[in-house]
C-alpha cells in the first residue's frame, strides 16, 4: 500500500518512502547476519559491500524496482556472505580461496624484496608500519605481515627466543 502510493506519485516521495524502508531493511538484515558481515574488508567483503551499496542506491532512486525486490537483493547478498563466511570458518582451503593468505614482508629485521614486489608494497610503507608501532629501526622488528585485509601486523623483537605460533598461517616463513 505504501509502496504503491510511493510509486504512483512524485519521485521525491518515492525516494523518501522507499529509501527509508530499504535502509531499515538493510539495517535489520545486517543485524541478523552478525558482526562478521561488518568486519574489516578483504576482497570478498569489499565486493559484497559495493554490491549492497549499489542495490540500496538503485532501490532509492529507481521507481521501477519494487521495495520487495530490493530487499530480496539485499537479503540474497547478505545470505551468501553469511554462507561463505560460515564455510570459511569450517574449511581452511575455502577460507584461503575467499580471503587469500597473510604474507611475510620482513623477517628478523630483513626485508623480503620478492614478497614486497609481489604484494606491491613499498619499503616506505613497511617503515611507516614500524614507526606506527613505536619502532625506530627495522632491526628491532621480528616480523611484519601483510594481512588479508591489507593491514600490516608488526611483531617487535623480544629478549626471549619464542617460536612465533601466531605466524603459522603466514606465507613465506
N, C-alpha and C. Protein backbone atom coordinates (compact mmCIF):
# COMPACT_ATOMS: atom_id res chain seq x y z
N UNK A 1 0.82 -1.18 0.00
CA UNK A 1 0.00 0.00 0.00
C UNK A 1 0.87 1.25 0.00
N UNK A 2 1.82 1.34 0.93
CA UNK A 2 2.73 2.48 0.97
C UNK A 2 3.58 2.49 -0.30
N UNK A 3 4.03 1.30 -0.73
CA UNK A 3 4.86 1.21 -1.93
C UNK A 3 4.09 1.65 -3.17
N UNK A 4 2.82 1.27 -3.25
CA UNK A 4 2.00 1.70 -4.39
C UNK A 4 1.83 3.20 -4.40
N UNK A 5 1.60 3.79 -3.23
CA UNK A 5 1.47 5.24 -3.12
C UNK A 5 2.76 5.92 -3.57
N UNK A 6 3.88 5.38 -3.11
CA UNK A 6 5.17 5.99 -3.45
C UNK A 6 5.45 5.87 -4.94
N UNK A 7 5.12 4.75 -5.53
CA UNK A 7 5.40 4.54 -6.95
C UNK A 7 4.50 5.37 -7.84
N UNK A 8 3.27 5.62 -7.40
CA UNK A 8 2.31 6.32 -8.26
C UNK A 8 2.41 7.83 -8.17
N UNK A 9 3.16 8.36 -7.24
CA UNK A 9 3.24 9.80 -7.04
C UNK A 9 4.61 10.35 -7.41
N UNK A 10 4.93 11.43 -6.82
CA UNK A 10 6.15 12.17 -7.04
C UNK A 10 7.40 11.30 -6.79
N UNK A 11 8.42 11.37 -7.67
CA UNK A 11 9.65 10.61 -7.45
C UNK A 11 10.34 10.98 -6.14
N UNK A 12 10.19 12.20 -5.69
CA UNK A 12 10.80 12.59 -4.42
C UNK A 12 10.15 11.86 -3.25
N UNK A 13 8.83 11.72 -3.31
CA UNK A 13 8.13 10.96 -2.27
C UNK A 13 8.54 9.50 -2.33
N UNK A 14 8.68 8.98 -3.55
CA UNK A 14 9.15 7.59 -3.73
C UNK A 14 10.49 7.40 -3.05
N UNK A 15 11.43 8.30 -3.32
CA UNK A 15 12.76 8.17 -2.73
C UNK A 15 12.69 8.25 -1.21
N UNK A 16 11.89 9.14 -0.70
CA UNK A 16 11.75 9.30 0.74
C UNK A 16 11.19 8.03 1.40
N UNK A 17 10.10 7.53 0.86
CA UNK A 17 9.44 6.37 1.49
C UNK A 17 10.21 5.09 1.24
N UNK A 18 10.45 4.77 -0.02
CA UNK A 18 11.12 3.51 -0.36
C UNK A 18 12.55 3.50 0.15
N UNK A 19 13.23 4.64 0.04
CA UNK A 19 14.60 4.72 0.56
C UNK A 19 14.67 4.47 2.04
N UNK A 20 13.75 5.04 2.78
CA UNK A 20 13.72 4.83 4.23
C UNK A 20 13.44 3.37 4.57
N UNK A 21 12.48 2.77 3.88
CA UNK A 21 12.15 1.36 4.13
C UNK A 21 13.29 0.44 3.72
N UNK A 22 13.94 0.73 2.59
CA UNK A 22 15.07 -0.09 2.15
C UNK A 22 16.24 0.02 3.13
N UNK A 23 16.48 1.22 3.62
CA UNK A 23 17.54 1.43 4.60
C UNK A 23 17.25 0.63 5.88
N UNK A 24 16.01 0.70 6.35
CA UNK A 24 15.64 -0.08 7.53
C UNK A 24 15.79 -1.57 7.28
N UNK A 25 15.40 -2.02 6.09
CA UNK A 25 15.56 -3.44 5.74
C UNK A 25 17.03 -3.84 5.77
N UNK A 26 17.90 -2.98 5.24
CA UNK A 26 19.33 -3.26 5.24
C UNK A 26 19.86 -3.35 6.66
N UNK A 27 19.47 -2.43 7.52
CA UNK A 27 19.92 -2.45 8.92
C UNK A 27 19.47 -3.74 9.60
N UNK A 28 18.22 -4.12 9.43
CA UNK A 28 17.70 -5.35 10.04
C UNK A 28 18.48 -6.56 9.52
N UNK A 29 18.69 -6.64 8.21
CA UNK A 29 19.41 -7.78 7.63
C UNK A 29 20.86 -7.83 8.13
N UNK A 30 21.51 -6.69 8.23
CA UNK A 30 22.88 -6.67 8.73
C UNK A 30 22.95 -7.09 10.19
N UNK A 31 21.98 -6.67 10.99
CA UNK A 31 21.96 -7.08 12.40
C UNK A 31 21.72 -8.57 12.53
N UNK A 32 20.84 -9.11 11.68
CA UNK A 32 20.55 -10.55 11.73
C UNK A 32 21.74 -11.39 11.29
N UNK A 33 22.54 -10.86 10.37
CA UNK A 33 23.65 -11.65 9.82
C UNK A 33 24.85 -11.69 10.74
N UNK A 34 24.94 -10.82 11.72
CA UNK A 34 26.03 -10.88 12.69
C UNK A 34 27.17 -9.92 12.40
N UNK A 35 28.09 -9.85 13.35
CA UNK A 35 29.20 -8.91 13.30
C UNK A 35 30.14 -9.16 12.14
N UNK A 36 30.29 -10.40 11.72
CA UNK A 36 31.24 -10.74 10.67
C UNK A 36 30.94 -10.00 9.37
N UNK A 37 29.69 -9.71 9.10
CA UNK A 37 29.31 -9.02 7.87
C UNK A 37 29.92 -7.62 7.83
N UNK A 38 30.16 -7.02 8.98
CA UNK A 38 30.69 -5.67 9.03
C UNK A 38 32.15 -5.60 9.43
N UNK A 39 32.87 -6.72 9.35
CA UNK A 39 34.26 -6.74 9.79
C UNK A 39 35.17 -6.05 8.78
N UNK A 40 36.46 -6.04 9.10
CA UNK A 40 37.43 -5.46 8.17
C UNK A 40 37.33 -6.14 6.83
N UNK A 41 37.60 -5.38 5.80
CA UNK A 41 37.40 -5.87 4.45
C UNK A 41 38.55 -6.70 3.92
N UNK A 42 38.21 -7.82 3.30
CA UNK A 42 39.10 -8.49 2.37
C UNK A 42 38.41 -8.34 1.01
N UNK A 43 38.92 -8.96 -0.02
CA UNK A 43 38.36 -8.76 -1.36
C UNK A 43 36.88 -9.16 -1.41
N UNK A 44 36.52 -10.26 -0.78
CA UNK A 44 35.14 -10.73 -0.80
C UNK A 44 34.22 -9.73 -0.09
N UNK A 45 34.65 -9.24 1.06
CA UNK A 45 33.84 -8.27 1.81
C UNK A 45 33.67 -6.98 1.02
N UNK A 46 34.72 -6.57 0.31
CA UNK A 46 34.65 -5.35 -0.49
C UNK A 46 33.58 -5.50 -1.57
N UNK A 47 33.57 -6.63 -2.27
CA UNK A 47 32.59 -6.86 -3.33
C UNK A 47 31.18 -6.83 -2.76
N UNK A 48 30.97 -7.50 -1.65
CA UNK A 48 29.64 -7.53 -1.03
C UNK A 48 29.21 -6.13 -0.62
N UNK A 49 30.11 -5.36 -0.04
CA UNK A 49 29.77 -4.01 0.41
C UNK A 49 29.42 -3.10 -0.75
N UNK A 50 30.20 -3.16 -1.82
CA UNK A 50 29.90 -2.35 -3.00
C UNK A 50 28.56 -2.76 -3.61
N UNK A 51 28.32 -4.07 -3.67
CA UNK A 51 27.06 -4.55 -4.23
C UNK A 51 25.86 -4.13 -3.37
N UNK A 52 26.02 -4.18 -2.04
CA UNK A 52 24.94 -3.72 -1.16
C UNK A 52 24.65 -2.24 -1.40
N UNK A 53 25.69 -1.45 -1.53
CA UNK A 53 25.50 -0.03 -1.80
C UNK A 53 24.82 0.22 -3.13
N UNK A 54 25.18 -0.58 -4.12
CA UNK A 54 24.57 -0.44 -5.45
C UNK A 54 23.09 -0.78 -5.41
N UNK A 55 22.75 -1.86 -4.74
CA UNK A 55 21.34 -2.25 -4.62
C UNK A 55 20.55 -1.18 -3.87
N UNK A 56 21.11 -0.71 -2.76
CA UNK A 56 20.42 0.32 -1.99
C UNK A 56 20.21 1.58 -2.83
N UNK A 57 21.23 1.98 -3.57
CA UNK A 57 21.10 3.17 -4.42
C UNK A 57 20.06 2.97 -5.51
N UNK A 58 20.03 1.79 -6.11
CA UNK A 58 19.05 1.50 -7.15
C UNK A 58 17.63 1.56 -6.61
N UNK A 59 17.43 0.94 -5.45
CA UNK A 59 16.09 0.96 -4.84
C UNK A 59 15.69 2.38 -4.45
N UNK A 60 16.67 3.14 -3.97
CA UNK A 60 16.39 4.53 -3.57
C UNK A 60 15.96 5.39 -4.75
N UNK A 61 16.61 5.24 -5.88
CA UNK A 61 16.43 6.19 -6.98
C UNK A 61 15.57 5.70 -8.13
N UNK A 62 15.32 4.42 -8.22
CA UNK A 62 14.55 3.90 -9.35
C UNK A 62 13.11 3.62 -8.93
N UNK A 63 12.18 4.17 -9.68
CA UNK A 63 10.77 3.90 -9.40
C UNK A 63 10.35 2.57 -10.03
N UNK A 64 11.23 1.95 -10.82
CA UNK A 64 10.93 0.68 -11.49
C UNK A 64 11.22 -0.54 -10.64
N UNK A 65 11.96 -0.37 -9.55
CA UNK A 65 12.34 -1.50 -8.70
C UNK A 65 11.48 -1.49 -7.44
N UNK A 66 10.66 -2.52 -7.26
CA UNK A 66 9.82 -2.58 -6.04
C UNK A 66 10.69 -2.79 -4.79
N UNK A 67 10.22 -2.31 -3.68
CA UNK A 67 10.92 -2.47 -2.41
C UNK A 67 11.19 -3.94 -2.12
N UNK A 68 10.22 -4.79 -2.35
CA UNK A 68 10.39 -6.21 -2.06
C UNK A 68 11.54 -6.80 -2.87
N UNK A 69 11.67 -6.39 -4.12
CA UNK A 69 12.76 -6.89 -4.96
C UNK A 69 14.11 -6.38 -4.43
N UNK A 70 14.16 -5.12 -4.02
CA UNK A 70 15.38 -4.58 -3.44
C UNK A 70 15.76 -5.28 -2.14
N UNK A 71 14.76 -5.50 -1.29
CA UNK A 71 15.02 -6.19 -0.02
C UNK A 71 15.48 -7.63 -0.27
N UNK A 72 14.91 -8.28 -1.29
CA UNK A 72 15.35 -9.63 -1.64
C UNK A 72 16.80 -9.60 -2.12
N UNK A 73 17.16 -8.61 -2.92
CA UNK A 73 18.54 -8.49 -3.38
C UNK A 73 19.50 -8.28 -2.23
N UNK A 74 19.15 -7.39 -1.30
CA UNK A 74 19.99 -7.17 -0.12
C UNK A 74 20.11 -8.45 0.70
N UNK A 75 18.98 -9.11 0.93
CA UNK A 75 18.99 -10.35 1.70
C UNK A 75 19.79 -11.45 1.02
N UNK A 76 19.69 -11.53 -0.30
CA UNK A 76 20.45 -12.53 -1.04
C UNK A 76 21.95 -12.33 -0.87
N UNK A 77 22.42 -11.10 -1.03
CA UNK A 77 23.85 -10.83 -0.85
C UNK A 77 24.32 -11.12 0.57
N UNK A 78 23.54 -10.68 1.54
CA UNK A 78 23.92 -10.92 2.93
C UNK A 78 23.85 -12.41 3.25
N UNK A 79 22.88 -13.10 2.70
CA UNK A 79 22.77 -14.55 2.89
C UNK A 79 23.98 -15.29 2.32
N UNK A 80 24.37 -14.94 1.10
CA UNK A 80 25.55 -15.59 0.50
C UNK A 80 26.81 -15.25 1.29
N UNK A 81 26.90 -14.02 1.75
CA UNK A 81 28.06 -13.63 2.55
C UNK A 81 28.10 -14.44 3.84
N UNK A 82 26.94 -14.67 4.45
CA UNK A 82 26.87 -15.50 5.66
C UNK A 82 27.31 -16.92 5.35
N UNK A 83 26.82 -17.50 4.24
CA UNK A 83 27.19 -18.87 3.86
C UNK A 83 28.69 -18.98 3.60
N UNK A 84 29.23 -18.02 2.85
CA UNK A 84 30.66 -18.07 2.53
C UNK A 84 31.52 -17.94 3.78
N UNK A 85 31.16 -17.04 4.70
CA UNK A 85 31.95 -16.91 5.92
C UNK A 85 31.77 -18.13 6.82
N UNK A 86 30.59 -18.72 6.84
CA UNK A 86 30.35 -19.95 7.62
C UNK A 86 31.24 -21.06 7.09
N UNK A 87 31.29 -21.19 5.76
CA UNK A 87 32.14 -22.21 5.15
C UNK A 87 33.63 -21.93 5.39
N UNK A 88 34.01 -20.66 5.34
CA UNK A 88 35.43 -20.33 5.51
C UNK A 88 35.92 -20.61 6.93
N UNK A 89 35.02 -20.55 7.91
CA UNK A 89 35.40 -20.88 9.28
C UNK A 89 35.59 -22.39 9.44
N UNK A 90 34.91 -23.17 8.61
CA UNK A 90 34.94 -24.62 8.74
C UNK A 90 35.86 -25.31 7.74
N UNK A 91 36.35 -24.60 6.75
CA UNK A 91 37.20 -25.21 5.72
C UNK A 91 38.37 -24.28 5.41
N UNK A 92 39.57 -24.72 5.78
CA UNK A 92 40.76 -23.90 5.53
C UNK A 92 40.99 -23.65 4.03
N UNK A 93 40.86 -24.66 3.16
CA UNK A 93 41.04 -24.38 1.72
C UNK A 93 40.02 -23.35 1.20
N UNK A 94 38.78 -23.44 1.65
CA UNK A 94 37.76 -22.48 1.24
C UNK A 94 38.11 -21.09 1.76
N UNK A 95 38.58 -21.02 3.00
CA UNK A 95 38.98 -19.74 3.59
C UNK A 95 40.11 -19.11 2.79
N UNK A 96 41.10 -19.89 2.41
CA UNK A 96 42.21 -19.34 1.63
C UNK A 96 41.76 -18.90 0.25
N UNK A 97 40.80 -19.60 -0.32
CA UNK A 97 40.28 -19.23 -1.63
C UNK A 97 39.52 -17.91 -1.55
N UNK A 98 38.75 -17.72 -0.49
CA UNK A 98 37.97 -16.49 -0.32
C UNK A 98 38.84 -15.32 0.15
N UNK A 99 39.65 -15.55 1.14
CA UNK A 99 40.36 -14.45 1.78
C UNK A 99 41.80 -14.27 1.32
N UNK A 100 42.39 -15.26 0.72
CA UNK A 100 43.81 -15.18 0.44
C UNK A 100 44.59 -15.61 1.65
N UNK A 101 45.81 -15.13 1.78
CA UNK A 101 46.66 -15.54 2.88
C UNK A 101 47.52 -14.36 3.31
N UNK A 102 47.88 -14.31 4.58
CA UNK A 102 48.81 -13.27 5.02
C UNK A 102 50.19 -13.54 4.42
N UNK A 103 50.96 -12.48 4.20
CA UNK A 103 52.27 -12.61 3.57
C UNK A 103 53.33 -11.96 4.46
N UNK A 104 54.43 -12.68 4.65
CA UNK A 104 55.56 -12.18 5.43
C UNK A 104 56.37 -11.19 4.58
N UNK A 105 56.48 -9.96 5.04
CA UNK A 105 57.22 -8.92 4.32
C UNK A 105 58.60 -8.66 4.90
N UNK A 106 58.76 -8.95 6.18
CA UNK A 106 60.04 -8.73 6.87
C UNK A 106 60.20 -9.82 7.90
N UNK A 107 61.42 -10.36 8.00
CA UNK A 107 61.70 -11.39 9.00
C UNK A 107 63.04 -11.08 9.65
N UNK A 108 63.03 -10.99 10.96
CA UNK A 108 64.23 -10.74 11.75
C UNK A 108 65.01 -9.52 11.23
N UNK A 109 64.28 -8.44 10.96
CA UNK A 109 64.90 -7.19 10.54
C UNK A 109 65.27 -7.11 9.07
N UNK A 110 65.06 -8.18 8.31
CA UNK A 110 65.42 -8.22 6.89
C UNK A 110 64.17 -8.18 6.01
N UNK A 111 64.13 -7.20 5.10
CA UNK A 111 63.02 -7.11 4.16
C UNK A 111 63.05 -8.27 3.18
N UNK A 112 61.90 -8.75 2.82
CA UNK A 112 61.76 -9.80 1.81
C UNK A 112 61.32 -9.12 0.51
N UNK A 113 62.32 -8.79 -0.31
CA UNK A 113 62.09 -7.98 -1.52
C UNK A 113 61.09 -8.63 -2.48
N UNK A 114 61.18 -9.94 -2.65
CA UNK A 114 60.26 -10.63 -3.57
C UNK A 114 58.82 -10.49 -3.11
N UNK A 115 58.61 -10.64 -1.81
CA UNK A 115 57.26 -10.51 -1.25
C UNK A 115 56.75 -9.07 -1.39
N UNK A 116 57.63 -8.10 -1.16
CA UNK A 116 57.24 -6.69 -1.31
C UNK A 116 56.78 -6.43 -2.75
N UNK A 117 57.55 -6.91 -3.71
CA UNK A 117 57.21 -6.71 -5.12
C UNK A 117 55.91 -7.42 -5.48
N UNK A 118 55.78 -8.66 -5.06
CA UNK A 118 54.58 -9.45 -5.37
C UNK A 118 53.32 -8.81 -4.80
N UNK A 119 53.43 -8.25 -3.60
CA UNK A 119 52.27 -7.64 -2.93
C UNK A 119 52.14 -6.15 -3.24
N UNK A 120 53.07 -5.60 -4.01
CA UNK A 120 53.06 -4.19 -4.41
C UNK A 120 53.09 -3.27 -3.18
N UNK A 121 54.04 -3.55 -2.29
CA UNK A 121 54.24 -2.77 -1.07
C UNK A 121 55.62 -2.14 -1.15
N UNK A 122 55.70 -0.86 -0.81
CA UNK A 122 56.99 -0.18 -0.83
C UNK A 122 57.70 -0.31 0.52
N UNK A 123 59.02 -0.13 0.48
CA UNK A 123 59.79 -0.15 1.72
C UNK A 123 59.33 0.97 2.65
N UNK A 124 58.94 2.10 2.07
CA UNK A 124 58.44 3.22 2.87
C UNK A 124 57.19 2.86 3.66
N UNK A 125 56.30 2.07 3.05
CA UNK A 125 55.09 1.64 3.76
C UNK A 125 55.45 0.72 4.93
N UNK A 126 56.46 -0.11 4.74
CA UNK A 126 56.91 -1.00 5.81
C UNK A 126 57.51 -0.18 6.95
N UNK A 127 58.33 0.79 6.59
CA UNK A 127 58.93 1.65 7.63
C UNK A 127 57.85 2.43 8.40
N UNK A 128 56.83 2.89 7.67
CA UNK A 128 55.73 3.61 8.33
C UNK A 128 55.00 2.70 9.31
N UNK A 129 54.84 1.43 8.95
CA UNK A 129 54.19 0.48 9.86
C UNK A 129 55.02 0.28 11.12
N UNK A 130 56.34 0.23 10.96
CA UNK A 130 57.23 0.09 12.13
C UNK A 130 57.11 1.33 13.02
N UNK A 131 57.15 2.51 12.41
CA UNK A 131 57.03 3.74 13.19
C UNK A 131 55.70 3.82 13.93
N UNK A 132 54.62 3.36 13.28
CA UNK A 132 53.31 3.42 13.92
C UNK A 132 53.24 2.53 15.16
N UNK A 133 54.14 1.56 15.25
CA UNK A 133 54.19 0.69 16.43
C UNK A 133 55.26 1.13 17.43
N UNK A 134 55.84 2.31 17.17
CA UNK A 134 56.83 2.85 18.10
C UNK A 134 58.24 2.39 17.84
N UNK A 135 58.48 1.70 16.74
CA UNK A 135 59.82 1.25 16.41
C UNK A 135 60.62 2.33 15.73
N UNK A 136 61.94 2.26 15.89
CA UNK A 136 62.82 3.24 15.27
C UNK A 136 63.71 2.59 14.20
N UNK A 137 63.82 1.28 14.22
CA UNK A 137 64.70 0.59 13.28
C UNK A 137 64.09 -0.75 12.87
N UNK A 138 64.31 -1.12 11.61
CA UNK A 138 63.81 -2.41 11.14
C UNK A 138 64.43 -3.56 11.92
N UNK A 139 65.64 -3.37 12.41
CA UNK A 139 66.33 -4.41 13.17
C UNK A 139 65.65 -4.71 14.50
N UNK A 140 64.76 -3.82 14.95
CA UNK A 140 64.01 -4.05 16.19
C UNK A 140 62.80 -4.95 15.96
N UNK A 141 62.53 -5.28 14.70
CA UNK A 141 61.29 -5.97 14.34
C UNK A 141 61.57 -7.44 14.07
N UNK A 142 60.77 -8.30 14.66
CA UNK A 142 60.87 -9.74 14.39
C UNK A 142 60.21 -10.07 13.07
N UNK A 143 59.01 -9.49 12.83
CA UNK A 143 58.29 -9.81 11.60
C UNK A 143 57.28 -8.71 11.28
N UNK A 144 57.03 -8.54 9.99
CA UNK A 144 55.93 -7.71 9.52
C UNK A 144 55.14 -8.55 8.55
N UNK A 145 53.84 -8.60 8.78
CA UNK A 145 52.95 -9.41 7.96
C UNK A 145 51.92 -8.51 7.29
N UNK A 146 51.73 -8.68 5.99
CA UNK A 146 50.64 -8.03 5.28
C UNK A 146 49.43 -8.95 5.43
N UNK A 147 48.43 -8.48 6.18
CA UNK A 147 47.25 -9.30 6.46
C UNK A 147 46.31 -9.32 5.26
N UNK A 148 45.34 -10.21 5.29
CA UNK A 148 44.43 -10.36 4.15
C UNK A 148 43.53 -9.16 3.94
N UNK A 149 43.39 -8.31 4.95
CA UNK A 149 42.57 -7.10 4.80
C UNK A 149 43.41 -5.89 4.41
N UNK A 150 44.71 -6.09 4.15
CA UNK A 150 45.58 -5.02 3.71
C UNK A 150 46.30 -4.29 4.83
N UNK A 151 46.05 -4.65 6.07
CA UNK A 151 46.74 -4.01 7.19
C UNK A 151 48.08 -4.69 7.44
N UNK A 152 48.96 -3.98 8.12
CA UNK A 152 50.27 -4.52 8.50
C UNK A 152 50.23 -4.92 9.96
N UNK A 153 50.72 -6.12 10.26
CA UNK A 153 50.95 -6.53 11.64
C UNK A 153 52.45 -6.48 11.88
N UNK A 154 52.84 -5.75 12.90
CA UNK A 154 54.26 -5.59 13.24
C UNK A 154 54.50 -6.32 14.56
N UNK A 155 55.44 -7.25 14.54
CA UNK A 155 55.79 -8.01 15.73
C UNK A 155 57.21 -7.60 16.11
N UNK A 156 57.33 -6.93 17.23
CA UNK A 156 58.62 -6.42 17.66
C UNK A 156 59.47 -7.56 18.27
N UNK A 157 60.78 -7.39 18.22
CA UNK A 157 61.71 -8.36 18.82
C UNK A 157 61.51 -8.35 20.33
N UNK A 158 61.70 -9.50 20.94
CA UNK A 158 61.74 -9.54 22.40
C UNK A 158 62.98 -10.31 22.81
N UNK A 159 63.28 -10.29 24.09
CA UNK A 159 64.52 -10.88 24.57
C UNK A 159 64.52 -12.39 24.51
N UNK A 160 63.37 -13.01 24.67
CA UNK A 160 63.31 -14.47 24.69
C UNK A 160 63.15 -15.02 23.28
N UNK A 161 63.67 -16.18 23.07
CA UNK A 161 63.54 -16.85 21.78
C UNK A 161 62.31 -17.76 21.83
N UNK A 162 61.19 -17.23 21.48
CA UNK A 162 59.93 -17.97 21.48
C UNK A 162 59.53 -18.23 20.04
N UNK A 163 59.10 -19.43 19.76
CA UNK A 163 58.62 -19.76 18.41
C UNK A 163 57.34 -18.98 18.14
N UNK A 164 57.29 -18.24 17.04
CA UNK A 164 56.13 -17.37 16.76
C UNK A 164 54.93 -18.15 16.22
N UNK A 165 54.12 -18.71 17.11
CA UNK A 165 52.98 -19.52 16.68
C UNK A 165 51.92 -18.69 15.96
N UNK A 166 51.88 -17.39 16.20
CA UNK A 166 50.90 -16.54 15.52
C UNK A 166 51.20 -16.42 14.03
N UNK A 167 52.39 -16.84 13.61
CA UNK A 167 52.79 -16.76 12.21
C UNK A 167 52.61 -18.08 11.47
N UNK A 168 51.96 -19.05 12.07
CA UNK A 168 51.85 -20.38 11.45
C UNK A 168 51.11 -20.39 10.12
N UNK A 169 50.21 -19.43 9.86
CA UNK A 169 49.47 -19.41 8.61
C UNK A 169 50.02 -18.40 7.60
N UNK A 170 51.17 -17.83 7.89
CA UNK A 170 51.75 -16.79 7.03
C UNK A 170 52.61 -17.42 5.96
N UNK A 171 52.40 -16.98 4.72
CA UNK A 171 53.22 -17.47 3.60
C UNK A 171 54.57 -16.80 3.65
N UNK A 172 55.61 -17.58 3.39
CA UNK A 172 56.96 -17.03 3.30
C UNK A 172 57.79 -17.25 4.52
N UNK A 173 57.26 -17.91 5.53
CA UNK A 173 58.04 -18.14 6.76
C UNK A 173 58.81 -19.42 6.63
